[in-house]
Structures are given as structure tokens and as C-alpha cells.
């Protein structure tokens, strides 16, 4: 089974070339190069919960600290966590990757 990126799962249209990019802008998760390969995803597509400015419930979300409580309730977050099992990366590890460490 192919592991989906958040924009494929949620069908938000904010991926590169997506139908909502003109209206809402390209999602930062689809541009986060430092997370390429995380949970076998493309860029930040399987770690959107740590990326500021990603969309949830039709609303652009703020910083990791502001949005994480909602993200852990998200069906996509839960699916990634289940698919990855013991290989699920901690948010602190991914935040270090974003910083380039």
C-alpha cells in the first residue's frame, strides 16, 4: 500500500500545481526539503503537523506549538502513526531536521 502525503490524503489542493494554490498558496509542507523521506514522504508530506502554515479543517494553522493539540486528533496524523509503528519519528527530531541540524 502506497503511503500518502497529507495533500493526497486530505485533497486540499495546496500541493505544487494544486487547484487551490492560486487561492490559498502552496502549502509549506509541500516545500519543506529538510523532511524529504520522513515517514517515506515527499518533503514534509508525512510530517505536516510540525510545519507552520499547513492547513487543517479548511484553516491555515499557526506554529507547531499552536496547532499540535489539534493535529494529534487528526485522522491523517493517526494513520501515519499507525503505519510507522515503532519507526514513527518524534516531533522534536523532525523539528531539528527543519532547523538543519
PDB file of N, CA and C in Angstrom:
ATOM      1  N   UNK A   1       0.835  -1.192   0.000  1.00  0.00           N
ATOM      2  CA  UNK A   1       0.000   0.000   0.000  1.00  0.00           C
ATOM      3  C   UNK A   1       0.881   1.257   0.000  1.00  0.00           C
ATOM      4  N   UNK A   2       0.603   2.165  -0.899  1.00  0.00           N
ATOM      5  CA  UNK A   2       1.372   3.405  -1.009  1.00  0.00           C
ATOM      6  C   UNK A   2       1.076   4.311   0.178  1.00  0.00           C
ATOM      7  N   UNK A   3       2.122   4.853   0.745  1.00  0.00           N
ATOM      8  CA  UNK A   3       1.964   5.811   1.829  1.00  0.00           C
ATOM      9  C   UNK A   3       1.669   7.178   1.222  1.00  0.00           C
ATOM     10  N   UNK A   4       0.574   7.766   1.637  1.00  0.00           N
ATOM     11  CA  UNK A   4       0.143   9.044   1.083  1.00  0.00           C
ATOM     12  C   UNK A   4       0.760  10.217   1.826  1.00  0.00           C
ATOM     13  N   UNK A   5       1.001  11.291   1.089  1.00  0.00           N
ATOM     14  CA  UNK A   5       1.362  12.565   1.689  1.00  0.00           C
ATOM     15  C   UNK A   5       0.075  13.254   2.115  1.00  0.00           C
ATOM     16  N   UNK A   6       0.191  14.237   2.997  1.00  0.00           N
ATOM     17  CA  UNK A   6      -1.004  14.884   3.550  1.00  0.00           C
ATOM     18  C   UNK A   6      -1.892  15.482   2.461  1.00  0.00           C
ATOM     19  N   UNK A   7      -1.302  16.100   1.443  1.00  0.00           N
ATOM     20  CA  UNK A   7      -2.121  16.734   0.405  1.00  0.00           C
ATOM     21  C   UNK A   7      -2.860  15.698  -0.433  1.00  0.00           C
ATOM     22  N   UNK A   8      -2.323  14.497  -0.548  1.00  0.00           N
ATOM     23  CA  UNK A   8      -3.018  13.422  -1.261  1.00  0.00           C
ATOM     24  C   UNK A   8      -4.164  12.882  -0.392  1.00  0.00           C
ATOM     25  N   UNK A   9      -3.896  12.716   0.876  1.00  0.00           N
ATOM     26  CA  UNK A   9      -4.879  12.177   1.807  1.00  0.00           C
ATOM     27  C   UNK A   9      -6.029  13.165   2.018  1.00  0.00           C
ATOM     28  N   UNK A  10      -5.700  14.426   2.273  1.00  0.00           N
ATOM     29  CA  UNK A  10      -6.705  15.450   2.593  1.00  0.00           C
ATOM     30  C   UNK A  10      -7.314  16.115   1.349  1.00  0.00           C
ATOM     31  N   UNK A  11      -6.640  15.956   0.203  1.00  0.00           N
ATOM     32  CA  UNK A  11      -7.109  16.562  -1.049  1.00  0.00           C
ATOM     33  C   UNK A  11      -7.367  18.074  -0.899  1.00  0.00           C
ATOM     34  N   UNK A  12      -6.396  18.745  -0.287  1.00  0.00           N
ATOM     35  CA  UNK A  12      -6.524  20.181  -0.009  1.00  0.00           C
ATOM     36  C   UNK A  12      -6.278  21.056  -1.235  1.00  0.00           C
ATOM     37  N   UNK A  13      -5.554  20.533  -2.230  1.00  0.00           N
ATOM     38  CA  UNK A  13      -5.274  21.311  -3.427  1.00  0.00           C
ATOM     39  C   UNK A  13      -4.141  22.309  -3.287  1.00  0.00           C
ATOM     40  N   UNK A  14      -3.368  22.234  -2.188  1.00  0.00           N
ATOM     41  CA  UNK A  14      -2.270  23.176  -1.969  1.00  0.00           C
ATOM     42  C   UNK A  14      -0.900  22.604  -2.313  1.00  0.00           C
ATOM     43  N   UNK A  15      -0.864  21.402  -2.909  1.00  0.00           N
ATOM     44  CA  UNK A  15       0.400  20.833  -3.356  1.00  0.00           C
ATOM     45  C   UNK A  15       0.886  21.591  -4.597  1.00  0.00           C
ATOM     46  N   UNK A  16       2.168  21.467  -4.976  1.00  0.00           N
ATOM     47  CA  UNK A  16       2.654  22.154  -6.173  1.00  0.00           C
ATOM     48  C   UNK A  16       1.749  21.843  -7.373  1.00  0.00           C
ATOM     49  N   UNK A  17       1.240  22.890  -7.999  1.00  0.00           N
ATOM     50  CA  UNK A  17       0.344  22.735  -9.140  1.00  0.00           C
ATOM     51  C   UNK A  17      -1.090  22.413  -8.761  1.00  0.00           C
ATOM     52  N   UNK A  18      -1.396  22.408  -7.460  1.00  0.00           N
ATOM     53  CA  UNK A  18      -2.734  22.062  -6.986  1.00  0.00           C
ATOM     54  C   UNK A  18      -3.778  23.110  -7.347  1.00  0.00           C
ATOM     55  N   UNK A  19      -5.028  22.697  -7.303  1.00  0.00           N
ATOM     56  CA  UNK A  19      -6.119  23.571  -7.743  1.00  0.00           C
ATOM     57  C   UNK A  19      -6.405  24.743  -6.802  1.00  0.00           C
ATOM     58  N   UNK A  20      -5.903  24.707  -5.585  1.00  0.00           N
ATOM     59  CA  UNK A  20      -6.148  25.798  -4.623  1.00  0.00           C
ATOM     60  C   UNK A  20      -4.914  26.672  -4.389  1.00  0.00           C
ATOM     61  N   UNK A  21      -3.816  26.388  -5.074  1.00  0.00           N
ATOM     62  CA  UNK A  21      -2.583  27.147  -4.859  1.00  0.00           C
ATOM     63  C   UNK A  21      -2.794  28.625  -5.160  1.00  0.00           C
ATOM     64  N   UNK A  22      -3.490  28.947  -6.229  1.00  0.00           N
ATOM     65  CA  UNK A  22      -3.709  30.353  -6.597  1.00  0.00           C
ATOM     66  C   UNK A  22      -4.496  31.079  -5.504  1.00  0.00           C
ATOM     67  N   UNK A  23      -5.456  30.394  -4.932  1.00  0.00           N
ATOM     68  CA  UNK A  23      -6.330  30.982  -3.920  1.00  0.00           C
ATOM     69  C   UNK A  23      -5.694  31.001  -2.522  1.00  0.00           C
ATOM     70  N   UNK A  24      -5.069  29.888  -2.111  1.00  0.00           N
ATOM     71  CA  UNK A  24      -4.593  29.731  -0.735  1.00  0.00           C
ATOM     72  C   UNK A  24      -3.078  29.685  -0.587  1.00  0.00           C
ATOM     73  N   UNK A  25      -2.365  29.602  -1.706  1.00  0.00           N
ATOM     74  CA  UNK A  25      -0.912  29.485  -1.666  1.00  0.00           C
ATOM     75  C   UNK A  25      -0.477  28.033  -1.563  1.00  0.00           C
ATOM     76  N   UNK A  26       0.763  27.798  -1.907  1.00  0.00           N
ATOM     77  CA  UNK A  26       1.312  26.450  -1.824  1.00  0.00           C
ATOM     78  C   UNK A  26       1.615  26.119  -0.363  1.00  0.00           C
ATOM     79  N   UNK A  27       1.246  24.942   0.047  1.00  0.00           N
ATOM     80  CA  UNK A  27       1.421  24.529   1.440  1.00  0.00           C
ATOM     81  C   UNK A  27       2.901  24.425   1.799  1.00  0.00           C
ATOM     82  N   UNK A  28       3.288  24.938   2.957  1.00  0.00           N
ATOM     83  CA  UNK A  28       4.677  24.823   3.387  1.00  0.00           C
ATOM     84  C   UNK A  28       5.135  23.373   3.541  1.00  0.00           C
ATOM     85  N   UNK A  29       4.226  22.453   3.833  1.00  0.00           N
ATOM     86  CA  UNK A  29       4.604  21.038   3.950  1.00  0.00           C
ATOM     87  C   UNK A  29       5.103  20.506   2.613  1.00  0.00           C
ATOM     88  N   UNK A  30       4.563  21.020   1.518  1.00  0.00           N
ATOM     89  CA  UNK A  30       4.967  20.552   0.192  1.00  0.00           C
ATOM     90  C   UNK A  30       6.283  21.166  -0.269  1.00  0.00           C
ATOM     91  N   UNK A  31       6.850  22.056   0.557  1.00  0.00           N
ATOM     92  CA  UNK A  31       8.105  22.720   0.206  1.00  0.00           C
ATOM     93  C   UNK A  31       9.237  22.433   1.191  1.00  0.00           C
ATOM     94  N   UNK A  32       8.949  21.735   2.278  1.00  0.00           N
ATOM     95  CA  UNK A  32       9.947  21.520   3.342  1.00  0.00           C
ATOM     96  C   UNK A  32      10.947  20.432   2.971  1.00  0.00           C
ATOM     97  N   UNK A  33      11.997  20.839   2.278  1.00  0.00           N
ATOM     98  CA  UNK A  33      13.024  19.918   1.766  1.00  0.00           C
ATOM     99  C   UNK A  33      13.709  19.101   2.865  1.00  0.00           C
ATOM    100  N   UNK A  34      13.912  19.693   4.036  1.00  0.00           N
ATOM    101  CA  UNK A  34      14.642  19.006   5.100  1.00  0.00           C
ATOM    102  C   UNK A  34      13.912  17.788   5.655  1.00  0.00           C
ATOM    103  N   UNK A  35      12.652  17.636   5.323  1.00  0.00           N
ATOM    104  CA  UNK A  35      11.888  16.482   5.800  1.00  0.00           C
ATOM    105  C   UNK A  35      11.660  15.431   4.717  1.00  0.00           C
ATOM    106  N   UNK A  36      12.280  15.603   3.564  1.00  0.00           N
ATOM    107  CA  UNK A  36      12.151  14.619   2.493  1.00  0.00           C
ATOM    108  C   UNK A  36      12.556  13.245   3.005  1.00  0.00           C
ATOM    109  N   UNK A  37      11.660  12.286   2.804  1.00  0.00           N
ATOM    110  CA  UNK A  37      11.912  10.917   3.236  1.00  0.00           C
ATOM    111  C   UNK A  37      11.396  10.589   4.625  1.00  0.00           C
ATOM    112  N   UNK A  38      11.038  11.586   5.401  1.00  0.00           N
ATOM    113  CA  UNK A  38      10.490  11.338   6.733  1.00  0.00           C
ATOM    114  C   UNK A  38       9.200  10.548   6.598  1.00  0.00           C
ATOM    115  N   UNK A  39       9.132   9.427   7.254  1.00  0.00           N
ATOM    116  CA  UNK A  39       7.987   8.506   7.173  1.00  0.00           C
ATOM    117  C   UNK A  39       7.699   8.113   5.721  1.00  0.00           C
ATOM    118  N   UNK A  40       8.748   8.089   4.901  1.00  0.00           N
ATOM    119  CA  UNK A  40       8.660   7.749   3.475  1.00  0.00           C
ATOM    120  C   UNK A  40       7.841   8.755   2.677  1.00  0.00           C
ATOM    121  N   UNK A  41       7.810   9.989   3.126  1.00  0.00           N
ATOM    122  CA  UNK A  41       7.026  11.013   2.455  1.00  0.00           C
ATOM    123  C   UNK A  41       7.842  11.899   1.539  1.00  0.00           C
ATOM    124  N   UNK A  42       7.122  12.674   0.752  1.00  0.00           N
ATOM    125  CA  UNK A  42       7.722  13.673  -0.131  1.00  0.00           C
ATOM    126  C   UNK A  42       7.774  14.996   0.630  1.00  0.00           C
ATOM    127  N   UNK A  43       8.961  15.543   0.743  1.00  0.00           N
ATOM    128  CA  UNK A  43       9.185  16.780   1.501  1.00  0.00           C
ATOM    129  C   UNK A  43       8.542  16.627   2.879  1.00  0.00           C
ATOM    130  N   UNK A  44       7.682  17.538   3.322  1.00  0.00           N
ATOM    131  CA  UNK A  44       7.056  17.420   4.645  1.00  0.00           C
ATOM    132  C   UNK A  44       5.687  16.786   4.611  1.00  0.00           C
ATOM    133  N   UNK A  45       5.394  16.044   3.569  1.00  0.00           N
ATOM    134  CA  UNK A  45       4.053  15.498   3.358  1.00  0.00           C
ATOM    135  C   UNK A  45       3.582  14.452   4.337  1.00  0.00           C
ATOM    136  N   UNK A  46       4.504  13.895   5.127  1.00  0.00           N
ATOM    137  CA  UNK A  46       4.082  12.933   6.155  1.00  0.00           C
ATOM    138  C   UNK A  46       4.543  13.391   7.536  1.00  0.00           C
ATOM    139  N   UNK A  47       4.667  14.724   7.653  1.00  0.00           N
ATOM    140  CA  UNK A  47       5.021  15.344   8.928  1.00  0.00           C
ATOM    141  C   UNK A  47       4.410  16.745   9.006  1.00  0.00           C
ATOM    142  N   UNK A  48       3.261  16.937   8.403  1.00  0.00           N
ATOM    143  CA  UNK A  48       2.641  18.259   8.291  1.00  0.00           C
ATOM    144  C   UNK A  48       2.331  18.895   9.641  1.00  0.00           C
ATOM    145  N   UNK A  49       2.154  18.064  10.674  1.00  0.00           N
ATOM    146  CA  UNK A  49       1.783  18.575  11.991  1.00  0.00           C
ATOM    147  C   UNK A  49       2.869  19.416  12.643  1.00  0.00           C
ATOM    148  N   UNK A  50       4.076  19.352  12.164  1.00  0.00           N
ATOM    149  CA  UNK A  50       5.125  20.182  12.766  1.00  0.00           C
ATOM    150  C   UNK A  50       5.455  21.412  11.928  1.00  0.00           C
ATOM    151  N   UNK A  51       4.761  21.592  10.810  1.00  0.00           N
ATOM    152  CA  UNK A  51       5.094  22.675   9.885  1.00  0.00           C
ATOM    153  C   UNK A  51       4.071  23.802   9.991  1.00  0.00           C
ATOM    154  N   UNK A  52       4.543  24.962  10.373  1.00  0.00           N
ATOM    155  CA  UNK A  52       3.684  26.139  10.477  1.00  0.00           C
ATOM    156  C   UNK A  52       3.100  26.487   9.111  1.00  0.00           C
ATOM    157  N   UNK A  53       1.843  26.869   9.104  1.00  0.00           N
ATOM    158  CA  UNK A  53       1.193  27.317   7.872  1.00  0.00           C
ATOM    159  C   UNK A  53       0.533  26.225   7.066  1.00  0.00           C
ATOM    160  N   UNK A  54       0.591  24.973   7.547  1.00  0.00           N
ATOM    161  CA  UNK A  54      -0.153  23.922   6.849  1.00  0.00           C
ATOM    162  C   UNK A  54      -1.631  24.101   7.188  1.00  0.00           C
ATOM    163  N   UNK A  55      -2.493  23.450   6.436  1.00  0.00           N
ATOM    164  CA  UNK A  55      -3.918  23.666   6.574  1.00  0.00           C
ATOM    165  C   UNK A  55      -4.577  22.485   7.283  1.00  0.00           C
ATOM    166  N   UNK A  56      -5.557  22.794   8.102  1.00  0.00           N
ATOM    167  CA  UNK A  56      -6.336  21.753   8.758  1.00  0.00           C
ATOM    168  C   UNK A  56      -7.768  22.248   8.903  1.00  0.00           C
ATOM    169  N   UNK A  57      -8.702  21.416   8.527  1.00  0.00           N
ATOM    170  CA  UNK A  57     -10.105  21.783   8.664  1.00  0.00           C
ATOM    171  C   UNK A  57     -10.477  23.032   7.878  1.00  0.00           C
ATOM    172  N   UNK A  58      -9.772  23.258   6.774  1.00  0.00           N
ATOM    173  CA  UNK A  58     -10.074  24.412   5.934  1.00  0.00           C
ATOM    174  C   UNK A  58      -9.450  25.710   6.409  1.00  0.00           C
ATOM    175  N   UNK A  59      -8.616  25.651   7.443  1.00  0.00           N
ATOM    176  CA  UNK A  59      -7.997  26.843   8.006  1.00  0.00           C
ATOM    177  C   UNK A  59      -6.488  26.671   8.059  1.00  0.00           C
ATOM    178  N   UNK A  60      -5.769  27.707   7.662  1.00  0.00           N
ATOM    179  CA  UNK A  60      -4.316  27.686   7.756  1.00  0.00           C
ATOM    180  C   UNK A  60      -3.954  27.754   9.232  1.00  0.00           C
ATOM    181  N   UNK A  61      -3.088  26.843   9.654  1.00  0.00           N
ATOM    182  CA  UNK A  61      -2.693  26.726  11.053  1.00  0.00           C
ATOM    183  C   UNK A  61      -1.424  27.513  11.333  1.00  0.00           C
ATOM    184  N   UNK A  62      -1.200  27.817  12.602  1.00  0.00           N
ATOM    185  CA  UNK A  62      -0.036  28.585  13.024  1.00  0.00           C
ATOM    186  C   UNK A  62       1.165  27.714  13.313  1.00  0.00           C
ATOM    187  N   UNK A  63       1.907  28.102  14.329  1.00  0.00           N
ATOM    188  CA  UNK A  63       3.149  27.411  14.685  1.00  0.00           C
ATOM    189  C   UNK A  63       2.865  26.013  15.233  1.00  0.00           C
ATOM    190  N   UNK A  64       3.922  25.228  15.333  1.00  0.00           N
ATOM    191  CA  UNK A  64       3.817  23.877  15.887  1.00  0.00           C
ATOM    192  C   UNK A  64       3.158  23.924  17.269  1.00  0.00           C
ATOM    193  N   UNK A  65       3.610  24.815  18.122  1.00  0.00           N
ATOM    194  CA  UNK A  65       3.081  24.903  19.486  1.00  0.00           C
ATOM    195  C   UNK A  65       1.595  25.239  19.487  1.00  0.00           C
ATOM    196  N   UNK A  66       1.151  26.057  18.554  1.00  0.00           N
ATOM    197  CA  UNK A  66      -0.253  26.456  18.487  1.00  0.00           C
ATOM    198  C   UNK A  66      -1.145  25.356  17.949  1.00  0.00           C
ATOM    199  N   UNK A  67      -0.650  24.531  17.065  1.00  0.00           N
ATOM    200  CA  UNK A  67      -1.513  23.602  16.355  1.00  0.00           C
ATOM    201  C   UNK A  67      -1.408  22.146  16.767  1.00  0.00           C
ATOM    202  N   UNK A  68      -0.354  21.758  17.462  1.00  0.00           N
ATOM    203  CA  UNK A  68      -0.098  20.342  17.724  1.00  0.00           C
ATOM    204  C   UNK A  68      -1.255  19.642  18.436  1.00  0.00           C
ATOM    205  N   UNK A  69      -1.895  20.303  19.366  1.00  0.00           N
ATOM    206  CA  UNK A  69      -3.025  19.697  20.084  1.00  0.00           C
ATOM    207  C   UNK A  69      -4.140  19.259  19.150  1.00  0.00           C
ATOM    208  N   UNK A  70      -4.391  20.029  18.111  1.00  0.00           N
ATOM    209  CA  UNK A  70      -5.394  19.649  17.111  1.00  0.00           C
ATOM    210  C   UNK A  70      -4.863  18.553  16.200  1.00  0.00           C
ATOM    211  N   UNK A  71      -3.590  18.608  15.893  1.00  0.00           N
ATOM    212  CA  UNK A  71      -3.007  17.659  14.947  1.00  0.00           C
ATOM    213  C   UNK A  71      -3.039  16.227  15.469  1.00  0.00           C
ATOM    214  N   UNK A  72      -2.826  16.043  16.762  1.00  0.00           N
ATOM    215  CA  UNK A  72      -2.824  14.679  17.290  1.00  0.00           C
ATOM    216  C   UNK A  72      -4.213  14.043  17.221  1.00  0.00           C
ATOM    217  N   UNK A  73      -5.236  14.838  16.990  1.00  0.00           N
ATOM    218  CA  UNK A  73      -6.598  14.327  16.834  1.00  0.00           C
ATOM    219  C   UNK A  73      -6.944  14.062  15.366  1.00  0.00           C
ATOM    220  N   UNK A  74      -6.082  14.477  14.466  1.00  0.00           N
ATOM    221  CA  UNK A  74      -6.313  14.386  13.020  1.00  0.00           C
ATOM    222  C   UNK A  74      -6.234  12.942  12.528  1.00  0.00           C
ATOM    223  N   UNK A  75      -7.138  12.583  11.630  1.00  0.00           N
ATOM    224  CA  UNK A  75      -7.152  11.235  11.068  1.00  0.00           C
ATOM    225  C   UNK A  75      -5.881  10.931  10.284  1.00  0.00           C
ATOM    226  N   UNK A  76      -5.308  11.913   9.614  1.00  0.00           N
ATOM    227  CA  UNK A  76      -4.060  11.683   8.875  1.00  0.00           C
ATOM    228  C   UNK A  76      -2.902  11.425   9.835  1.00  0.00           C
ATOM    229  N   UNK A  77      -2.770  12.233  10.871  1.00  0.00           N
ATOM    230  CA  UNK A  77      -1.733  12.034  11.885  1.00  0.00           C
ATOM    231  C   UNK A  77      -1.831  10.626  12.460  1.00  0.00           C
ATOM    232  N   UNK A  78      -3.040  10.227  12.820  1.00  0.00           N
ATOM    233  CA  UNK A  78      -3.247   8.895  13.401  1.00  0.00           C
ATOM    234  C   UNK A  78      -2.866   7.788  12.421  1.00  0.00           C
ATOM    235  N   UNK A  79      -3.177   7.989  11.136  1.00  0.00           N
ATOM    236  CA  UNK A  79      -2.827   6.983  10.131  1.00  0.00           C
ATOM    237  C   UNK A  79      -1.317   6.851   9.986  1.00  0.00           C
ATOM    238  N   UNK A  80      -0.623   7.986   9.907  1.00  0.00           N
ATOM    239  CA  UNK A  80       0.838   7.947   9.781  1.00  0.00           C
ATOM    240  C   UNK A  80       1.442   7.258  11.002  1.00  0.00           C
ATOM    241  N   UNK A  81       0.967   7.605  12.171  1.00  0.00           N
ATOM    242  CA  UNK A  81       1.490   6.999  13.402  1.00  0.00           C
ATOM    243  C   UNK A  81       1.274   5.488  13.404  1.00  0.00           C
ATOM    244  N   UNK A  82       0.114   5.047  12.944  1.00  0.00           N
ATOM    245  CA  UNK A  82      -0.166   3.614  12.878  1.00  0.00           C
ATOM    246  C   UNK A  82       0.698   2.928  11.827  1.00  0.00           C
ATOM    247  N   UNK A  83       0.811   3.540  10.638  1.00  0.00           N
ATOM    248  CA  UNK A  83       1.613   2.950   9.563  1.00  0.00           C
ATOM    249  C   UNK A  83       3.085   2.828   9.951  1.00  0.00           C
ATOM    250  N   UNK A  84       3.594   3.808  10.661  1.00  0.00           N
ATOM    251  CA  UNK A  84       5.018   3.825  11.009  1.00  0.00           C
ATOM    252  C   UNK A  84       5.331   2.973  12.233  1.00  0.00           C
ATOM    253  N   UNK A  85       4.362   2.780  13.095  1.00  0.00           N
ATOM    254  CA  UNK A  85       4.584   1.965  14.283  1.00  0.00           C
ATOM    255  C   UNK A  85       5.794   2.435  15.073  1.00  0.00           C
ATOM    256  N   UNK A  86       6.713   1.520  15.392  1.00  0.00           N
ATOM    257  CA  UNK A  86       7.879   1.904  16.199  1.00  0.00           C
ATOM    258  C   UNK A  86       8.853   2.834  15.461  1.00  0.00           C
ATOM    259  N   UNK A  87       8.694   3.007  14.153  1.00  0.00           N
ATOM    260  CA  UNK A  87       9.563   3.904  13.383  1.00  0.00           C
ATOM    261  C   UNK A  87       9.016   5.330  13.318  1.00  0.00           C
ATOM    262  N   UNK A  88       7.882   5.568  13.980  1.00  0.00           N
ATOM    263  CA  UNK A  88       7.292   6.914  13.993  1.00  0.00           C
ATOM    264  C   UNK A  88       8.276   7.867  14.656  1.00  0.00           C
ATOM    265  N   UNK A  89       8.631   8.948  13.941  1.00  0.00           N
ATOM    266  CA  UNK A  89       9.631   9.884  14.453  1.00  0.00           C
ATOM    267  C   UNK A  89       8.996  10.896  15.399  1.00  0.00           C
ATOM    268  N   UNK A  90       9.702  11.174  16.450  1.00  0.00           N
ATOM    269  CA  UNK A  90       9.246  12.169  17.407  1.00  0.00           C
ATOM    270  C   UNK A  90       9.278  13.557  16.766  1.00  0.00           C
ATOM    271  N   UNK A  91       8.358  14.391  17.175  1.00  0.00           N
ATOM    272  CA  UNK A  91       8.294  15.749  16.642  1.00  0.00           C
ATOM    273  C   UNK A  91       9.580  16.512  16.896  1.00  0.00           C
ATOM    274  N   UNK A  92      10.205  16.303  18.051  1.00  0.00           N
ATOM    275  CA  UNK A  92      11.452  17.013  18.360  1.00  0.00           C
ATOM    276  C   UNK A  92      12.545  16.667  17.348  1.00  0.00           C
ATOM    277  N   UNK A  93      12.589  15.413  16.898  1.00  0.00           N
ATOM    278  CA  UNK A  93      13.578  15.005  15.898  1.00  0.00           C
ATOM    279  C   UNK A  93      13.319  15.703  14.569  1.00  0.00           C
ATOM    280  N   UNK A  94      12.053  15.808  14.199  1.00  0.00           N
ATOM    281  CA  UNK A  94      11.715  16.446  12.925  1.00  0.00           C
ATOM    282  C   UNK A  94      11.947  17.950  12.979  1.00  0.00           C
ATOM    283  N   UNK A  95      11.684  18.556  14.122  1.00  0.00           N
ATOM    284  CA  UNK A  95      11.949  19.997  14.269  1.00  0.00           C
ATOM    285  C   UNK A  95      13.437  20.286  14.102  1.00  0.00           C
ATOM    286  N   UNK A  96      14.291  19.391  14.585  1.00  0.00           N
ATOM    287  CA  UNK A  96      15.741  19.535  14.399  1.00  0.00           C
ATOM    288  C   UNK A  96      16.104  19.458  12.919  1.00  0.00           C
ATOM    289  N   UNK A  97      15.430  18.563  12.181  1.00  0.00           N
ATOM    290  CA  UNK A  97      15.681  18.449  10.738  1.00  0.00           C
ATOM    291  C   UNK A  97      15.323  19.753  10.027  1.00  0.00           C
ATOM    292  N   UNK A  98      14.202  20.347  10.416  1.00  0.00           N
ATOM    293  CA  UNK A  98      13.774  21.611   9.787  1.00  0.00           C
ATOM    294  C   UNK A  98      14.825  22.702  10.032  1.00  0.00           C
ATOM    295  N   UNK A  99      15.379  22.705  11.220  1.00  0.00           N
ATOM    296  CA  UNK A  99      16.414  23.694  11.557  1.00  0.00           C
ATOM    297  C   UNK A  99      17.715  23.411  10.828  1.00  0.00           C
ATOM    298  N   UNK A 100      17.824  22.198  10.236  1.00  0.00           N
ATOM    299  CA  UNK A 100      19.032  21.850   9.502  1.00  0.00           C
ATOM    300  C   UNK A 100      20.101  21.212  10.372  1.00  0.00           C
ATOM    301  N   UNK A 101      19.709  20.713  11.522  1.00  0.00           N
ATOM    302  CA  UNK A 101      20.660  20.049  12.433  1.00  0.00           C
ATOM    303  C   UNK A 101      20.660  18.553  12.215  1.00  0.00           C
TER     304      UNK A 101
END
